[in-house]
C-alpha cells in the first residue's frame, strides 16, 4: 500500500509515469503465482493505471499554472510545446510549428489522462 501511495505522490511531482506504471505492475505481478493466477494482481495493475494517469492529468492541470491551483492552461499548448522543444522527433517539431495541432495534442493528453 505504501509503495502505491508513494508512486502516486511521485507521479504528481513530474515523475515519468511511463516508467513508473510498468514498474508497479511488475511488482504486483511478481507476487502472483503464474500457475494459479488470482484476480487481485490484475486489479492492482488496473488501479495503479487509473491512479497514475489521474495523477498525471492533475499534475498537468496544476504544474502548468504559477499558483499551483488547477487551471486549464495546459490546453493552450504552450506548456506542451515547451516540453517538446526544438530537439524532439519529427512529430514534435511539426507540432511546435503548428499551434492548432499542438493545442489538439495538449487537449488530447488531458482527455486521456
PDB file of N, CA and C in Angstrom:
ATOM      1  N   UNK A   1       0.793  -1.181   0.000  1.00  0.00           N
ATOM      2  CA  UNK A   1       0.000   0.000   0.000  1.00  0.00           C
ATOM      3  C   UNK A   1       0.851   1.266   0.000  1.00  0.00           C
ATOM      4  N   UNK A   2       1.914   1.260   0.801  1.00  0.00           N
ATOM      5  CA  UNK A   2       2.764   2.442   0.894  1.00  0.00           C
ATOM      6  C   UNK A   2       3.485   2.704  -0.428  1.00  0.00           C
ATOM      7  N   UNK A   3       3.857   1.635  -1.139  1.00  0.00           N
ATOM      8  CA  UNK A   3       4.512   1.793  -2.444  1.00  0.00           C
ATOM      9  C   UNK A   3       3.583   2.470  -3.438  1.00  0.00           C
ATOM     10  N   UNK A   4       2.324   2.092  -3.432  1.00  0.00           N
ATOM     11  CA  UNK A   4       1.352   2.702  -4.343  1.00  0.00           C
ATOM     12  C   UNK A   4       1.152   4.173  -3.994  1.00  0.00           C
ATOM     13  N   UNK A   5       1.028   4.480  -2.717  1.00  0.00           N
ATOM     14  CA  UNK A   5       0.852   5.873  -2.292  1.00  0.00           C
ATOM     15  C   UNK A   5       2.079   6.709  -2.672  1.00  0.00           C
ATOM     16  N   UNK A   6       3.270   6.160  -2.452  1.00  0.00           N
ATOM     17  CA  UNK A   6       4.488   6.871  -2.822  1.00  0.00           C
ATOM     18  C   UNK A   6       4.561   7.071  -4.338  1.00  0.00           C
ATOM     19  N   UNK A   7       4.159   6.075  -5.088  1.00  0.00           N
ATOM     20  CA  UNK A   7       4.179   6.197  -6.549  1.00  0.00           C
ATOM     21  C   UNK A   7       3.209   7.268  -7.019  1.00  0.00           C
ATOM     22  N   UNK A   8       2.028   7.328  -6.417  1.00  0.00           N
ATOM     23  CA  UNK A   8       1.066   8.368  -6.785  1.00  0.00           C
ATOM     24  C   UNK A   8       1.598   9.752  -6.429  1.00  0.00           C
ATOM     25  N   UNK A   9       2.259   9.868  -5.288  1.00  0.00           N
ATOM     26  CA  UNK A   9       2.856  11.148  -4.910  1.00  0.00           C
ATOM     27  C   UNK A   9       3.925  11.552  -5.922  1.00  0.00           C
ATOM     28  N   UNK A  10       4.783  10.610  -6.298  1.00  0.00           N
ATOM     29  CA  UNK A  10       5.843  10.916  -7.258  1.00  0.00           C
ATOM     30  C   UNK A  10       5.266  11.272  -8.620  1.00  0.00           C
ATOM     31  N   UNK A  11       4.143  10.679  -8.990  1.00  0.00           N
ATOM     32  CA  UNK A  11       3.534  10.984 -10.286  1.00  0.00           C
ATOM     33  C   UNK A  11       3.039  12.422 -10.349  1.00  0.00           C
ATOM     34  N   UNK A  12       2.679  13.007  -9.215  1.00  0.00           N
ATOM     35  CA  UNK A  12       2.237  14.398  -9.225  1.00  0.00           C
ATOM     36  C   UNK A  12       3.419  15.357  -9.207  1.00  0.00           C
ATOM     37  N   UNK A  13       4.624  14.856  -9.014  1.00  0.00           N
ATOM     38  CA  UNK A  13       5.818  15.698  -8.932  1.00  0.00           C
ATOM     39  C   UNK A  13       6.684  15.556 -10.177  1.00  0.00           C
ATOM     40  N   UNK A  14       6.068  15.459 -11.333  1.00  0.00           N
ATOM     41  CA  UNK A  14       6.754  15.400 -12.631  1.00  0.00           C
ATOM     42  C   UNK A  14       7.577  14.129 -12.812  1.00  0.00           C
ATOM     43  N   UNK A  15       7.184  13.041 -12.165  1.00  0.00           N
ATOM     44  CA  UNK A  15       7.848  11.769 -12.424  1.00  0.00           C
ATOM     45  C   UNK A  15       7.427  11.265 -13.796  1.00  0.00           C
ATOM     46  N   UNK A  16       8.200  10.380 -14.334  1.00  0.00           N
ATOM     47  CA  UNK A  16       7.892   9.814 -15.628  1.00  0.00           C
ATOM     48  C   UNK A  16       6.976   8.616 -15.424  1.00  0.00           C
ATOM     49  N   UNK A  17       5.669   8.808 -15.577  1.00  0.00           N
ATOM     50  CA  UNK A  17       4.727   7.737 -15.318  1.00  0.00           C
ATOM     51  C   UNK A  17       4.782   6.637 -16.374  1.00  0.00           C
ATOM     52  N   UNK A  18       5.468   6.882 -17.481  1.00  0.00           N
ATOM     53  CA  UNK A  18       5.638   5.811 -18.463  1.00  0.00           C
ATOM     54  C   UNK A  18       6.553   4.724 -17.936  1.00  0.00           C
ATOM     55  N   UNK A  19       7.449   5.049 -17.026  1.00  0.00           N
ATOM     56  CA  UNK A  19       8.314   4.040 -16.413  1.00  0.00           C
ATOM     57  C   UNK A  19       7.772   3.578 -15.079  1.00  0.00           C
ATOM     58  N   UNK A  20       7.076   4.430 -14.387  1.00  0.00           N
ATOM     59  CA  UNK A  20       6.553   4.091 -13.074  1.00  0.00           C
ATOM     60  C   UNK A  20       5.463   3.034 -13.155  1.00  0.00           C
ATOM     61  N   UNK A  21       4.574   3.129 -14.121  1.00  0.00           N
ATOM     62  CA  UNK A  21       3.475   2.181 -14.241  1.00  0.00           C
ATOM     63  C   UNK A  21       3.961   0.758 -14.531  1.00  0.00           C
ATOM     64  N   UNK A  22       4.837   0.529 -15.496  1.00  0.00           N
ATOM     65  CA  UNK A  22       5.322  -0.843 -15.690  1.00  0.00           C
ATOM     66  C   UNK A  22       6.065  -1.387 -14.470  1.00  0.00           C
ATOM     67  N   UNK A  23       6.767  -0.519 -13.760  1.00  0.00           N
ATOM     68  CA  UNK A  23       7.474  -0.964 -12.558  1.00  0.00           C
ATOM     69  C   UNK A  23       6.495  -1.450 -11.499  1.00  0.00           C
ATOM     70  N   UNK A  24       5.445  -0.674 -11.274  1.00  0.00           N
ATOM     71  CA  UNK A  24       4.451  -1.078 -10.284  1.00  0.00           C
ATOM     72  C   UNK A  24       3.745  -2.360 -10.685  1.00  0.00           C
ATOM     73  N   UNK A  25       3.358  -2.460 -11.944  1.00  0.00           N
ATOM     74  CA  UNK A  25       2.662  -3.667 -12.394  1.00  0.00           C
ATOM     75  C   UNK A  25       3.568  -4.892 -12.309  1.00  0.00           C
ATOM     76  N   UNK A  26       4.845  -4.724 -12.575  1.00  0.00           N
ATOM     77  CA  UNK A  26       5.785  -5.836 -12.440  1.00  0.00           C
ATOM     78  C   UNK A  26       5.866  -6.296 -10.991  1.00  0.00           C
ATOM     79  N   UNK A  27       5.888  -5.347 -10.069  1.00  0.00           N
ATOM     80  CA  UNK A  27       5.915  -5.702  -8.643  1.00  0.00           C
ATOM     81  C   UNK A  27       4.639  -6.445  -8.266  1.00  0.00           C
ATOM     82  N   UNK A  28       3.493  -5.955  -8.698  1.00  0.00           N
ATOM     83  CA  UNK A  28       2.228  -6.605  -8.360  1.00  0.00           C
ATOM     84  C   UNK A  28       2.166  -8.016  -8.930  1.00  0.00           C
ATOM     85  N   UNK A  29       2.589  -8.158 -10.179  1.00  0.00           N
ATOM     86  CA  UNK A  29       2.524  -9.476 -10.818  1.00  0.00           C
ATOM     87  C   UNK A  29       3.570 -10.437 -10.283  1.00  0.00           C
ATOM     88  N   UNK A  30       4.654  -9.925  -9.745  1.00  0.00           N
ATOM     89  CA  UNK A  30       5.702 -10.791  -9.194  1.00  0.00           C
ATOM     90  C   UNK A  30       5.210 -11.547  -7.967  1.00  0.00           C
ATOM     91  N   UNK A  31       4.261 -10.987  -7.257  1.00  0.00           N
ATOM     92  CA  UNK A  31       3.734 -11.659  -6.071  1.00  0.00           C
ATOM     93  C   UNK A  31       2.643 -12.670  -6.399  1.00  0.00           C
ATOM     94  N   UNK A  32       2.242 -12.743  -7.648  1.00  0.00           N
ATOM     95  CA  UNK A  32       1.200 -13.669  -8.056  1.00  0.00           C
ATOM     96  C   UNK A  32       1.818 -14.989  -8.506  1.00  0.00           C
ATOM     97  N   UNK A  33       1.077 -16.060  -8.373  1.00  0.00           N
ATOM     98  CA  UNK A  33       1.534 -17.384  -8.791  1.00  0.00           C
ATOM     99  C   UNK A  33       1.104 -17.619 -10.239  1.00  0.00           C
ATOM    100  N   UNK A  34       2.059 -17.766 -11.180  1.00  0.00           N
ATOM    101  CA  UNK A  34       1.674 -17.942 -12.584  1.00  0.00           C
ATOM    102  C   UNK A  34       0.882 -19.227 -12.836  1.00  0.00           C
ATOM    103  N   UNK A  35       1.095 -20.242 -11.994  1.00  0.00           N
ATOM    104  CA  UNK A  35       0.358 -21.494 -12.177  1.00  0.00           C
ATOM    105  C   UNK A  35      -1.100 -21.353 -11.742  1.00  0.00           C
ATOM    106  N   UNK A  36      -1.355 -20.464 -10.799  1.00  0.00           N
ATOM    107  CA  UNK A  36      -2.710 -20.257 -10.291  1.00  0.00           C
ATOM    108  C   UNK A  36      -2.946 -18.760 -10.118  1.00  0.00           C
ATOM    109  N   UNK A  37      -3.114 -18.022 -11.238  1.00  0.00           N
ATOM    110  CA  UNK A  37      -3.243 -16.559 -11.130  1.00  0.00           C
ATOM    111  C   UNK A  37      -4.519 -16.153 -10.388  1.00  0.00           C
ATOM    112  N   UNK A  38      -4.385 -15.117  -9.624  1.00  0.00           N
ATOM    113  CA  UNK A  38      -5.508 -14.561  -8.865  1.00  0.00           C
ATOM    114  C   UNK A  38      -5.897 -13.213  -9.482  1.00  0.00           C
ATOM    115  N   UNK A  39      -7.151 -12.825  -9.348  1.00  0.00           N
ATOM    116  CA  UNK A  39      -7.576 -11.550  -9.951  1.00  0.00           C
ATOM    117  C   UNK A  39      -7.033 -10.317  -9.229  1.00  0.00           C
ATOM    118  N   UNK A  40      -6.526 -10.464  -8.014  1.00  0.00           N
ATOM    119  CA  UNK A  40      -6.089  -9.278  -7.267  1.00  0.00           C
ATOM    120  C   UNK A  40      -4.904  -8.587  -7.927  1.00  0.00           C
ATOM    121  N   UNK A  41      -3.984  -9.353  -8.550  1.00  0.00           N
ATOM    122  CA  UNK A  41      -2.830  -8.705  -9.182  1.00  0.00           C
ATOM    123  C   UNK A  41      -3.263  -7.887 -10.406  1.00  0.00           C
ATOM    124  N   UNK A  42      -4.202  -8.437 -11.159  1.00  0.00           N
ATOM    125  CA  UNK A  42      -4.726  -7.681 -12.305  1.00  0.00           C
ATOM    126  C   UNK A  42      -5.477  -6.447 -11.823  1.00  0.00           C
ATOM    127  N   UNK A  43      -6.237  -6.599 -10.756  1.00  0.00           N
ATOM    128  CA  UNK A  43      -6.970  -5.459 -10.200  1.00  0.00           C
ATOM    129  C   UNK A  43      -6.018  -4.380  -9.688  1.00  0.00           C
ATOM    130  N   UNK A  44      -4.916  -4.785  -9.085  1.00  0.00           N
ATOM    131  CA  UNK A  44      -3.934  -3.801  -8.632  1.00  0.00           C
ATOM    132  C   UNK A  44      -3.297  -3.067  -9.809  1.00  0.00           C
ATOM    133  N   UNK A  45      -3.032  -3.774 -10.898  1.00  0.00           N
ATOM    134  CA  UNK A  45      -2.465  -3.126 -12.092  1.00  0.00           C
ATOM    135  C   UNK A  45      -3.450  -2.110 -12.668  1.00  0.00           C
ATOM    136  N   UNK A  46      -4.728  -2.476 -12.708  1.00  0.00           N
ATOM    137  CA  UNK A  46      -5.745  -1.551 -13.218  1.00  0.00           C
ATOM    138  C   UNK A  46      -5.876  -0.340 -12.294  1.00  0.00           C
ATOM    139  N   UNK A  47      -5.859  -0.586 -10.985  1.00  0.00           N
ATOM    140  CA  UNK A  47      -5.947   0.508 -10.023  1.00  0.00           C
ATOM    141  C   UNK A  47      -4.743   1.441 -10.136  1.00  0.00           C
ATOM    142  N   UNK A  48      -3.550   0.856 -10.302  1.00  0.00           N
ATOM    143  CA  UNK A  48      -2.342   1.677 -10.465  1.00  0.00           C
ATOM    144  C   UNK A  48      -2.423   2.506 -11.742  1.00  0.00           C
ATOM    145  N   UNK A  49      -2.937   1.917 -12.815  1.00  0.00           N
ATOM    146  CA  UNK A  49      -3.067   2.644 -14.076  1.00  0.00           C
ATOM    147  C   UNK A  49      -4.007   3.836 -13.922  1.00  0.00           C
ATOM    148  N   UNK A  50      -5.152   3.596 -13.325  1.00  0.00           N
ATOM    149  CA  UNK A  50      -6.122   4.675 -13.126  1.00  0.00           C
ATOM    150  C   UNK A  50      -5.533   5.760 -12.219  1.00  0.00           C
ATOM    151  N   UNK A  51      -4.890   5.337 -11.136  1.00  0.00           N
ATOM    152  CA  UNK A  51      -4.314   6.309 -10.206  1.00  0.00           C
ATOM    153  C   UNK A  51      -3.204   7.134 -10.823  1.00  0.00           C
ATOM    154  N   UNK A  52      -2.318   6.482 -11.567  1.00  0.00           N
ATOM    155  CA  UNK A  52      -1.185   7.196 -12.162  1.00  0.00           C
ATOM    156  C   UNK A  52      -1.617   8.127 -13.281  1.00  0.00           C
ATOM    157  N   UNK A  53      -2.529   7.677 -14.125  1.00  0.00           N
ATOM    158  CA  UNK A  53      -2.984   8.560 -15.193  1.00  0.00           C
ATOM    159  C   UNK A  53      -3.808   9.714 -14.636  1.00  0.00           C
ATOM    160  N   UNK A  54      -4.587   9.454 -13.591  1.00  0.00           N
ATOM    161  CA  UNK A  54      -5.315  10.535 -12.935  1.00  0.00           C
ATOM    162  C   UNK A  54      -4.369  11.537 -12.306  1.00  0.00           C
ATOM    163  N   UNK A  55      -3.316  11.030 -11.647  1.00  0.00           N
ATOM    164  CA  UNK A  55      -2.329  11.923 -11.039  1.00  0.00           C
ATOM    165  C   UNK A  55      -1.571  12.715 -12.094  1.00  0.00           C
ATOM    166  N   UNK A  56      -1.283  12.073 -13.239  1.00  0.00           N
ATOM    167  CA  UNK A  56      -0.587  12.783 -14.315  1.00  0.00           C
ATOM    168  C   UNK A  56      -1.463  13.902 -14.880  1.00  0.00           C
ATOM    169  N   UNK A  57      -2.752  13.630 -15.044  1.00  0.00           N
ATOM    170  CA  UNK A  57      -3.665  14.675 -15.510  1.00  0.00           C
ATOM    171  C   UNK A  57      -3.781  15.814 -14.515  1.00  0.00           C
ATOM    172  N   UNK A  58      -3.863  15.469 -13.233  1.00  0.00           N
ATOM    173  CA  UNK A  58      -3.930  16.500 -12.189  1.00  0.00           C
ATOM    174  C   UNK A  58      -2.643  17.317 -12.170  1.00  0.00           C
ATOM    175  N   UNK A  59      -1.513  16.640 -12.367  1.00  0.00           N
ATOM    176  CA  UNK A  59      -0.234  17.338 -12.406  1.00  0.00           C
ATOM    177  C   UNK A  59      -0.178  18.321 -13.570  1.00  0.00           C
ATOM    178  N   UNK A  60      -0.722  17.925 -14.717  1.00  0.00           N
ATOM    179  CA  UNK A  60      -0.750  18.834 -15.868  1.00  0.00           C
ATOM    180  C   UNK A  60      -1.608  20.062 -15.570  1.00  0.00           C
ATOM    181  N   UNK A  61      -2.680  19.867 -14.839  1.00  0.00           N
ATOM    182  CA  UNK A  61      -3.559  20.993 -14.521  1.00  0.00           C
ATOM    183  C   UNK A  61      -2.944  21.924 -13.487  1.00  0.00           C
ATOM    184  N   UNK A  62      -2.154  21.397 -12.556  1.00  0.00           N
ATOM    185  CA  UNK A  62      -1.594  22.247 -11.504  1.00  0.00           C
ATOM    186  C   UNK A  62      -0.200  22.758 -11.840  1.00  0.00           C
ATOM    187  N   UNK A  63       0.627  21.954 -12.506  1.00  0.00           N
ATOM    188  CA  UNK A  63       2.005  22.366 -12.795  1.00  0.00           C
ATOM    189  C   UNK A  63       2.074  23.397 -13.920  1.00  0.00           C
ATOM    190  N   UNK A  64       1.022  23.517 -14.710  1.00  0.00           N
ATOM    191  CA  UNK A  64       1.063  24.488 -15.810  1.00  0.00           C
ATOM    192  C   UNK A  64       0.633  25.883 -15.363  1.00  0.00           C
ATOM    193  N   UNK A  65       0.281  26.034 -14.093  1.00  0.00           N
ATOM    194  CA  UNK A  65      -0.091  27.363 -13.590  1.00  0.00           C
ATOM    195  C   UNK A  65       0.941  27.827 -12.573  1.00  0.00           C
ATOM    196  N   UNK A  66       1.025  29.122 -12.399  1.00  0.00           N
ATOM    197  CA  UNK A  66       2.017  29.690 -11.495  1.00  0.00           C
ATOM    198  C   UNK A  66       1.629  29.539 -10.024  1.00  0.00           C
ATOM    199  N   UNK A  67       0.338  29.507  -9.744  1.00  0.00           N
ATOM    200  CA  UNK A  67      -0.090  29.496  -8.351  1.00  0.00           C
ATOM    201  C   UNK A  67      -0.378  28.100  -7.824  1.00  0.00           C
ATOM    202  N   UNK A  68      -0.233  27.051  -8.643  1.00  0.00           N
ATOM    203  CA  UNK A  68      -0.402  25.685  -8.184  1.00  0.00           C
ATOM    204  C   UNK A  68      -1.840  25.215  -8.069  1.00  0.00           C
ATOM    205  N   UNK A  69      -2.785  26.042  -8.439  1.00  0.00           N
ATOM    206  CA  UNK A  69      -4.193  25.646  -8.412  1.00  0.00           C
ATOM    207  C   UNK A  69      -4.562  25.090  -9.780  1.00  0.00           C
ATOM    208  N   UNK A  70      -5.501  24.135  -9.829  1.00  0.00           N
ATOM    209  CA  UNK A  70      -5.887  23.557 -11.127  1.00  0.00           C
ATOM    210  C   UNK A  70      -6.437  24.609 -12.092  1.00  0.00           C
ATOM    211  N   UNK A  71      -5.892  24.633 -13.280  1.00  0.00           N
ATOM    212  CA  UNK A  71      -6.374  25.506 -14.349  1.00  0.00           C
ATOM    213  C   UNK A  71      -6.364  24.702 -15.645  1.00  0.00           C
ATOM    214  N   UNK A  72      -6.929  25.239 -16.667  1.00  0.00           N
ATOM    215  CA  UNK A  72      -6.916  24.592 -17.982  1.00  0.00           C
ATOM    216  C   UNK A  72      -5.817  25.174 -18.863  1.00  0.00           C
ATOM    217  N   UNK A  73      -4.809  25.763 -18.256  1.00  0.00           N
ATOM    218  CA  UNK A  73      -3.747  26.421 -19.012  1.00  0.00           C
ATOM    219  C   UNK A  73      -2.963  25.425 -19.883  1.00  0.00           C
ATOM    220  N   UNK A  74      -2.881  24.165 -19.482  1.00  0.00           N
ATOM    221  CA  UNK A  74      -2.172  23.158 -20.271  1.00  0.00           C
ATOM    222  C   UNK A  74      -2.797  23.044 -21.668  1.00  0.00           C
ATOM    223  N   UNK A  75      -4.100  23.240 -21.768  1.00  0.00           N
ATOM    224  CA  UNK A  75      -4.809  23.050 -23.033  1.00  0.00           C
ATOM    225  C   UNK A  75      -4.422  24.057 -24.100  1.00  0.00           C
ATOM    226  N   UNK A  76      -3.774  25.173 -23.756  1.00  0.00           N
ATOM    227  CA  UNK A  76      -3.396  26.130 -24.793  1.00  0.00           C
ATOM    228  C   UNK A  76      -2.194  25.663 -25.607  1.00  0.00           C
ATOM    229  N   UNK A  77      -1.505  24.619 -25.159  1.00  0.00           N
ATOM    230  CA  UNK A  77      -0.415  24.028 -25.928  1.00  0.00           C
ATOM    231  C   UNK A  77       0.959  24.604 -25.650  1.00  0.00           C
ATOM    232  N   UNK A  78       1.044  25.728 -24.957  1.00  0.00           N
ATOM    233  CA  UNK A  78       2.347  26.363 -24.716  1.00  0.00           C
ATOM    234  C   UNK A  78       3.245  25.493 -23.836  1.00  0.00           C
ATOM    235  N   UNK A  79       2.673  24.900 -22.801  1.00  0.00           N
ATOM    236  CA  UNK A  79       3.473  24.056 -21.911  1.00  0.00           C
ATOM    237  C   UNK A  79       3.935  22.809 -22.641  1.00  0.00           C
ATOM    238  N   UNK A  80       3.058  22.192 -23.414  1.00  0.00           N
ATOM    239  CA  UNK A  80       3.443  21.015 -24.189  1.00  0.00           C
ATOM    240  C   UNK A  80       4.518  21.372 -25.204  1.00  0.00           C
ATOM    241  N   UNK A  81       4.389  22.509 -25.871  1.00  0.00           N
ATOM    242  CA  UNK A  81       5.413  22.948 -26.821  1.00  0.00           C
ATOM    243  C   UNK A  81       6.755  23.159 -26.159  1.00  0.00           C
ATOM    244  N   UNK A  82       6.740  23.688 -24.930  1.00  0.00           N
ATOM    245  CA  UNK A  82       7.992  23.886 -24.199  1.00  0.00           C
ATOM    246  C   UNK A  82       8.621  22.541 -23.855  1.00  0.00           C
ATOM    247  N   UNK A  83       7.794  21.559 -23.450  1.00  0.00           N
ATOM    248  CA  UNK A  83       8.323  20.239 -23.109  1.00  0.00           C
ATOM    249  C   UNK A  83       8.844  19.494 -24.342  1.00  0.00           C
ATOM    250  N   UNK A  84       8.207  19.691 -25.474  1.00  0.00           N
ATOM    251  CA  UNK A  84       8.666  19.013 -26.692  1.00  0.00           C
ATOM    252  C   UNK A  84       9.981  19.599 -27.185  1.00  0.00           C
ATOM    253  N   UNK A  85      10.078  20.916 -27.150  1.00  0.00           N
ATOM    254  CA  UNK A  85      11.315  21.596 -27.515  1.00  0.00           C
ATOM    255  C   UNK A  85      11.725  21.394 -28.967  1.00  0.00           C
ATOM    256  N   UNK A  86      12.752  22.091 -29.384  1.00  0.00           N
ATOM    257  CA  UNK A  86      13.194  22.002 -30.778  1.00  0.00           C
ATOM    258  C   UNK A  86      14.013  20.743 -31.085  1.00  0.00           C
ATOM    259  N   UNK A  87      14.481  20.013 -30.075  1.00  0.00           N
ATOM    260  CA  UNK A  87      15.314  18.831 -30.325  1.00  0.00           C
ATOM    261  C   UNK A  87      14.504  17.541 -30.362  1.00  0.00           C
ATOM    262  N   UNK A  88      13.185  17.626 -30.474  1.00  0.00           N
ATOM    263  CA  UNK A  88      12.338  16.447 -30.453  1.00  0.00           C
ATOM    264  C   UNK A  88      12.332  15.697 -31.778  1.00  0.00           C
ATOM    265  N   UNK A  89      11.430  14.753 -31.883  1.00  0.00           N
ATOM    266  CA  UNK A  89      11.272  13.955 -33.091  1.00  0.00           C
ATOM    267  C   UNK A  89      10.632  14.808 -34.185  1.00  0.00           C
ATOM    268  N   UNK A  90      10.464  14.238 -35.355  1.00  0.00           N
ATOM    269  CA  UNK A  90       9.847  14.978 -36.458  1.00  0.00           C
ATOM    270  C   UNK A  90       8.414  15.361 -36.089  1.00  0.00           C
ATOM    271  N   UNK A  91       7.713  14.497 -35.348  1.00  0.00           N
ATOM    272  CA  UNK A  91       6.352  14.808 -34.949  1.00  0.00           C
ATOM    273  C   UNK A  91       6.332  15.967 -33.947  1.00  0.00           C
ATOM    274  N   UNK A  92       7.263  15.965 -33.008  1.00  0.00           N
ATOM    275  CA  UNK A  92       7.347  17.060 -32.029  1.00  0.00           C
ATOM    276  C   UNK A  92       7.640  18.379 -32.734  1.00  0.00           C
ATOM    277  N   UNK A  93       8.572  18.374 -33.682  1.00  0.00           N
ATOM    278  CA  UNK A  93       8.896  19.597 -34.419  1.00  0.00           C
ATOM    279  C   UNK A  93       7.699  20.091 -35.223  1.00  0.00           C
ATOM    280  N   UNK A  94       6.940  19.157 -35.801  1.00  0.00           N
ATOM    281  CA  UNK A  94       5.751  19.523 -36.570  1.00  0.00           C
ATOM    282  C   UNK A  94       4.703  20.165 -35.662  1.00  0.00           C
ATOM    283  N   UNK A  95       4.491  19.554 -34.484  1.00  0.00           N
ATOM    284  CA  UNK A  95       3.508  20.100 -33.550  1.00  0.00           C
ATOM    285  C   UNK A  95       3.893  21.487 -33.071  1.00  0.00           C
ATOM    286  N   UNK A  96       5.173  21.703 -32.802  1.00  0.00           N
ATOM    287  CA  UNK A  96       5.631  23.013 -32.318  1.00  0.00           C
ATOM    288  C   UNK A  96       5.428  24.079 -33.399  1.00  0.00           C
ATOM    289  N   UNK A  97       5.608  23.710 -34.668  1.00  0.00           N
ATOM    290  CA  UNK A  97       5.443  24.683 -35.761  1.00  0.00           C
ATOM    291  C   UNK A  97       3.978  24.983 -36.070  1.00  0.00           C
ATOM    292  N   UNK A  98       3.061  24.098 -35.680  1.00  0.00           N
ATOM    293  CA  UNK A  98       1.641  24.268 -35.990  1.00  0.00           C
ATOM    294  C   UNK A  98       0.842  24.313 -34.689  1.00  0.00           C
ATOM    295  N   UNK A  99       0.563  25.512 -34.193  1.00  0.00           N
ATOM    296  CA  UNK A  99      -0.073  25.661 -32.878  1.00  0.00           C
ATOM    297  C   UNK A  99      -1.439  24.990 -32.744  1.00  0.00           C
ATOM    298  N   UNK A 100      -2.206  24.927 -33.803  1.00  0.00           N
ATOM    299  CA  UNK A 100      -3.528  24.305 -33.693  1.00  0.00           C
ATOM    300  C   UNK A 100      -3.399  22.820 -33.371  1.00  0.00           C
ATOM    301  N   UNK A 101      -2.435  22.147 -34.011  1.00  0.00           N
ATOM    302  CA  UNK A 101      -2.231  20.728 -33.723  1.00  0.00           C
ATOM    303  C   UNK A 101      -1.609  20.531 -32.340  1.00  0.00           C
ATOM    304  N   UNK A 102      -0.806  21.493 -31.922  1.00  0.00           N
ATOM    305  CA  UNK A 102      -0.220  21.441 -30.578  1.00  0.00           C
ATOM    306  C   UNK A 102      -1.325  21.560 -29.521  1.00  0.00           C
ATOM    307  N   UNK A 103      -2.282  22.439 -29.763  1.00  0.00           N
ATOM    308  CA  UNK A 103      -3.415  22.570 -28.828  1.00  0.00           C
ATOM    309  C   UNK A 103      -4.261  21.302 -28.811  1.00  0.00           C
ATOM    310  N   UNK A 104      -4.487  20.721 -29.983  1.00  0.00           N
ATOM    311  CA  UNK A 104      -5.257  19.474 -30.050  1.00  0.00           C
ATOM    312  C   UNK A 104      -4.537  18.353 -29.305  1.00  0.00           C
ATOM    313  N   UNK A 105      -3.221  18.268 -29.460  1.00  0.00           N
ATOM    314  CA  UNK A 105      -2.454  17.243 -28.750  1.00  0.00           C
ATOM    315  C   UNK A 105      -2.504  17.477 -27.243  1.00  0.00           C
ATOM    316  N   UNK A 106      -2.416  18.728 -26.822  1.00  0.00           N
ATOM    317  CA  UNK A 106      -2.478  19.042 -25.384  1.00  0.00           C
ATOM    318  C   UNK A 106      -3.848  18.679 -24.820  1.00  0.00           C
ATOM    319  N   UNK A 107      -4.896  19.014 -25.529  1.00  0.00           N
ATOM    320  CA  UNK A 107      -6.243  18.663 -25.073  1.00  0.00           C
ATOM    321  C   UNK A 107      -6.449  17.145 -25.078  1.00  0.00           C
ATOM    322  N   UNK A 108      -5.848  16.476 -26.066  1.00  0.00           N
ATOM    323  CA  UNK A 108      -5.947  15.013 -26.126  1.00  0.00           C
ATOM    324  C   UNK A 108      -5.271  14.341 -24.943  1.00  0.00           C
ATOM    325  N   UNK A 109      -4.102  14.850 -24.530  1.00  0.00           N
ATOM    326  CA  UNK A 109      -3.447  14.252 -23.368  1.00  0.00           C
ATOM    327  C   UNK A 109      -4.268  14.470 -22.103  1.00  0.00           C
ATOM    328  N   UNK A 110      -4.897  15.632 -21.983  1.00  0.00           N
ATOM    329  CA  UNK A 110      -5.754  15.867 -20.823  1.00  0.00           C
ATOM    330  C   UNK A 110      -6.973  14.940 -20.842  1.00  0.00           C
ATOM    331  N   UNK A 111      -7.554  14.748 -22.012  1.00  0.00           N
ATOM    332  CA  UNK A 111      -8.726  13.884 -22.112  1.00  0.00           C
ATOM    333  C   UNK A 111      -8.383  12.432 -21.776  1.00  0.00           C
ATOM    334  N   UNK A 112      -7.227  11.974 -22.237  1.00  0.00           N
ATOM    335  CA  UNK A 112      -6.825  10.597 -21.956  1.00  0.00           C
ATOM    336  C   UNK A 112      -6.504  10.417 -20.481  1.00  0.00           C
ATOM    337  N   UNK A 113      -5.785  11.370 -19.929  1.00  0.00           N
ATOM    338  CA  UNK A 113      -5.365  11.231 -18.541  1.00  0.00           C
ATOM    339  C   UNK A 113      -6.471  11.652 -17.590  1.00  0.00           C
TER     340      UNK A 113
END
